[in-house]
Protein backbone atom coordinates (compact mmCIF):
# COMPACT_ATOMS: atom_id res chain seq x y z
CA MET A 1 -12.05 7.60 11.19
CA CYS A 2 -13.74 10.88 11.92
CA TRP A 3 -16.57 11.75 9.53
CA THR A 4 -18.06 15.23 9.37
CA VAL A 5 -20.68 17.06 7.41
CA ALA A 6 -19.94 20.72 6.81
CA GLN A 7 -22.52 23.29 5.83
CA ASN A 8 -20.98 26.49 4.52
CA GLY A 9 -17.73 25.62 6.29
CA VAL A 10 -19.35 24.90 9.70
CA ALA A 11 -19.56 21.32 10.97
CA ILE A 12 -23.10 20.15 11.64
CA ASP A 13 -24.59 17.04 13.21
CA GLU A 14 -25.26 14.42 10.55
CA THR A 15 -27.92 12.54 12.53
CA MET A 16 -31.56 12.63 11.54
CA GLU A 17 -34.05 14.26 13.89
CA GLU A 18 -36.53 11.80 15.36
CA SER A 19 -39.50 13.66 13.85
CA ASN A 20 -38.12 13.12 10.32
CA GLU A 21 -37.74 9.32 10.48
CA ASN A 22 -40.94 8.49 8.56
CA VAL A 23 -39.94 10.15 5.31
CA PHE A 24 -42.25 8.28 2.95
CA GLY A 25 -45.20 7.26 5.13
CA GLY A 26 -46.04 10.60 6.70
CA ASN A 27 -44.73 12.87 3.94
CA VAL A 28 -42.82 14.61 6.71
CA LEU A 29 -40.05 15.96 4.49
CA SER A 30 -40.10 17.69 1.14
CA THR A 31 -38.19 15.93 -1.63
CA PHE A 32 -35.24 18.27 -1.25
CA GLU A 33 -35.14 17.83 2.54
CA HIS A 34 -35.22 14.07 1.97
CA ILE A 35 -32.21 14.33 -0.36
CA GLN A 36 -30.37 16.53 2.15
CA THR A 37 -30.98 13.93 4.85
CA LEU A 38 -29.80 11.06 2.64
CA VAL A 39 -26.62 12.91 1.67
CA ALA A 40 -25.88 13.69 5.32
CA ASP A 41 -26.55 10.10 6.42
CA VAL A 42 -24.53 8.37 3.68
CA GLY A 43 -21.09 9.46 4.94
CA PRO A 44 -20.56 6.92 7.72
CA LEU A 45 -21.88 4.11 5.50
CA VAL A 46 -19.29 4.44 2.71
CA GLU A 47 -15.79 3.67 3.92
CA ALA A 48 -14.03 5.85 1.32
CA ILE A 49 -15.97 9.02 2.22
CA GLU A 50 -13.97 11.42 4.38
CA THR A 51 -16.16 14.54 4.37
CA ILE A 52 -19.31 15.93 2.80
CA GLU A 53 -19.66 19.66 2.36
CA GLU A 54 -22.64 21.65 1.15
CA LEU A 55 -21.29 23.71 -1.77
CA SER A 56 -24.52 25.61 -2.39
CA GLU A 57 -28.21 25.11 -1.75
CA HIS A 58 -28.58 22.10 -4.07
CA ARG A 59 -24.94 20.92 -4.39
CA TRP A 60 -22.62 18.86 -2.23
CA GLY A 61 -18.97 17.92 -2.48
CA VAL A 62 -18.10 14.43 -1.29
CA ALA A 63 -14.39 14.11 -0.53
CA CYS A 64 -13.11 10.56 -0.65
CA SER A 65 -9.80 8.87 -0.05
CA ASP A 66 -7.24 9.02 -2.87
CA ASP A 67 -8.08 12.71 -3.50
CA LEU A 68 -11.33 11.77 -5.22
CA MET A 69 -14.12 14.35 -5.20
CA ILE A 70 -17.72 13.58 -6.16
CA GLU A 71 -20.04 16.48 -6.80
CA ILE A 72 -23.74 15.80 -6.25
CA GLU A 73 -26.36 18.22 -7.53
CA CYS A 74 -30.10 18.02 -6.92
CA LEU A 75 -32.04 19.08 -10.01
CA GLN A 76 -35.46 19.42 -8.40
CA ALA A 77 -37.37 20.50 -11.51
CA ALA A 78 -36.23 17.34 -13.31
CA ASN A 79 -36.49 15.12 -10.20
CA ARG A 80 -32.88 14.08 -10.72
CA LEU A 81 -29.62 13.82 -8.83
CA SER A 82 -26.50 14.37 -10.93
CA PHE A 83 -23.08 13.03 -10.01
CA LEU A 84 -19.79 14.36 -11.38
CA VAL A 85 -16.39 12.85 -10.65
CA SER A 86 -13.22 14.44 -11.98
CA ILE A 87 -10.89 11.62 -13.01
CA GLY A 88 -7.77 13.37 -14.26
CA ALA A 89 -5.83 14.68 -17.21
CA VAL A 90 -5.18 12.81 -20.43
CA ARG A 91 -1.53 12.22 -21.21
CA ASP A 92 -0.39 13.38 -24.64
CA ILE A 93 1.28 10.05 -25.28
CA ASN A 94 -2.01 8.12 -25.42
CA GLU A 95 -4.53 10.89 -26.07
CA THR A 96 -6.17 9.33 -29.14
CA GLU A 97 -6.58 5.93 -27.47
CA VAL A 98 -8.08 7.52 -24.36
CA TYR A 99 -10.60 9.54 -26.39
CA ARG A 100 -11.54 6.42 -28.36
CA THR A 101 -12.06 4.49 -25.13
CA LEU A 102 -14.18 7.27 -23.63
CA LEU A 103 -16.41 7.34 -26.71
CA SER A 104 -16.64 3.54 -26.80
CA TYR A 105 -17.65 3.51 -23.13
CA ASN A 106 -20.39 6.06 -23.79
CA ILE A 107 -22.00 3.91 -26.47
CA LEU A 108 -22.39 1.14 -23.87
CA TRP A 109 -24.96 3.17 -21.91
CA ARG A 110 -27.28 0.16 -21.52
CA GLU A 111 -24.52 -1.95 -20.00
CA ASN A 112 -23.12 0.76 -17.73
CA GLY A 113 -26.43 2.09 -16.41
CA GLY A 114 -26.30 5.42 -18.22
CA VAL A 115 -22.93 6.49 -16.87
CA HIS A 116 -20.99 8.52 -19.39
CA MET A 117 -17.58 10.06 -19.72
CA ALA A 118 -16.75 13.61 -20.79
CA LEU A 119 -14.06 16.26 -20.80
CA ASP A 120 -14.53 19.27 -18.54
CA GLN A 121 -13.59 22.86 -19.43
CA GLU A 122 -9.96 22.20 -18.48
CA GLY A 123 -9.74 19.05 -20.62
CA GLU A 124 -9.88 16.69 -17.62
CA VAL A 125 -11.78 13.43 -17.93
CA ALA A 126 -15.02 13.40 -15.94
CA LEU A 127 -17.40 10.58 -15.06
CA LEU A 128 -21.07 11.62 -15.07
CA ALA A 129 -24.25 9.91 -13.90
CA ASP A 130 -27.74 10.97 -13.01
CA ILE A 131 -30.74 9.24 -11.48
CA TYR A 132 -34.35 9.99 -10.65
CA HIS A 133 -34.44 10.83 -6.98
CA LEU A 134 -38.14 10.49 -6.13
CA ASP A 135 -37.78 6.98 -4.68
CA LEU A 136 -34.14 7.23 -3.63
CA THR A 137 -33.24 5.27 -0.52
CA LEU A 138 -30.15 5.44 1.63
CA GLU A 139 -29.17 1.93 0.51
CA THR A 140 -29.37 2.95 -3.17
CA LEU A 141 -27.31 6.09 -2.57
CA VAL A 142 -24.65 4.01 -0.79
CA GLU A 143 -24.52 1.60 -3.75
CA ILE A 144 -24.31 4.44 -6.28
CA LEU A 145 -21.46 6.18 -4.44
CA GLU A 146 -19.53 2.94 -3.93
CA ARG A 147 -19.81 2.08 -7.62
CA LEU A 148 -18.85 5.60 -8.66
CA ILE A 149 -15.78 5.41 -6.44
CA ASP A 150 -14.82 2.00 -7.86
CA SER A 151 -15.35 3.15 -11.46
CA ALA A 152 -13.43 6.38 -10.89
CA SER A 153 -10.52 4.41 -9.44
CA ALA A 154 -10.49 2.09 -12.47
CA TRP A 155 -10.53 5.05 -14.87
CA ARG A 156 -7.75 6.78 -12.92
CA GLN A 157 -5.68 3.63 -13.20
CA PHE A 158 -6.32 3.52 -16.93
CA LEU A 159 -5.36 7.18 -17.39
CA SER A 160 -2.18 6.79 -15.37
CA LYS A 161 -0.90 4.08 -17.72
CA ALA A 162 0.72 5.19 -20.95
CA SER A 163 -0.25 2.01 -22.75
CA ASP A 164 -0.30 1.41 -26.46
CA SER A 165 -3.69 -0.24 -26.36
CA PRO A 166 -6.76 0.90 -24.42
CA PRO A 167 -8.62 -1.61 -22.25
CA ASP A 168 -11.43 -3.58 -23.82
CA SER A 169 -14.80 -2.06 -22.86
CA SER A 170 -15.84 -5.46 -21.47
CA ASP A 171 -12.84 -5.42 -19.12
CA THR A 172 -14.07 -5.98 -15.56
CA GLU A 173 -12.36 -2.80 -14.40
CA LEU A 174 -14.41 -0.60 -16.71
CA GLY A 175 -17.29 -2.68 -18.04
CA SER A 176 -18.99 -4.91 -15.46
CA ASN A 177 -17.74 -2.80 -12.55
CA ALA A 178 -19.48 0.25 -13.97
CA ILE A 179 -22.20 1.89 -11.99
CA LYS A 180 -25.69 0.83 -12.94
CA VAL A 181 -28.31 3.38 -12.02
């Protein structure tokens, strides 16, 4: 599989320069440069990631298999990284059950690591998470993205079913498989 990082539509090399390897010990990089490096380096480590594109100075789009897109935004003033995954539209046939399930999931913030569900401006279901990025490591970013991808896939499966009863919030697809940040 070919993995690329694109910056403003132009492919760039995703490898880290040798002088930037000691991120924490020598304070070589600013926090934002550290985040940029982590985002560039995470692509080859997560099987589902196809491309990463810089959308603006502090935002990246991570395109994954199954037409899944994760938006990452660095909120420097708050020392946070925010993740947004668009899951899909709610079918009219089970709209009430879906909304109930989304709200029930949100109340379980302790169990799901602070991940929450929302509706975007178009009424599409979105999965949201944010973390403090000051001590973020590449391994942690890999784990976060893998769990987001797994959770988004479970939610997409749920939305695609026109079932009469929503899944239990302790269901392994939505409960214990949830991202913990």
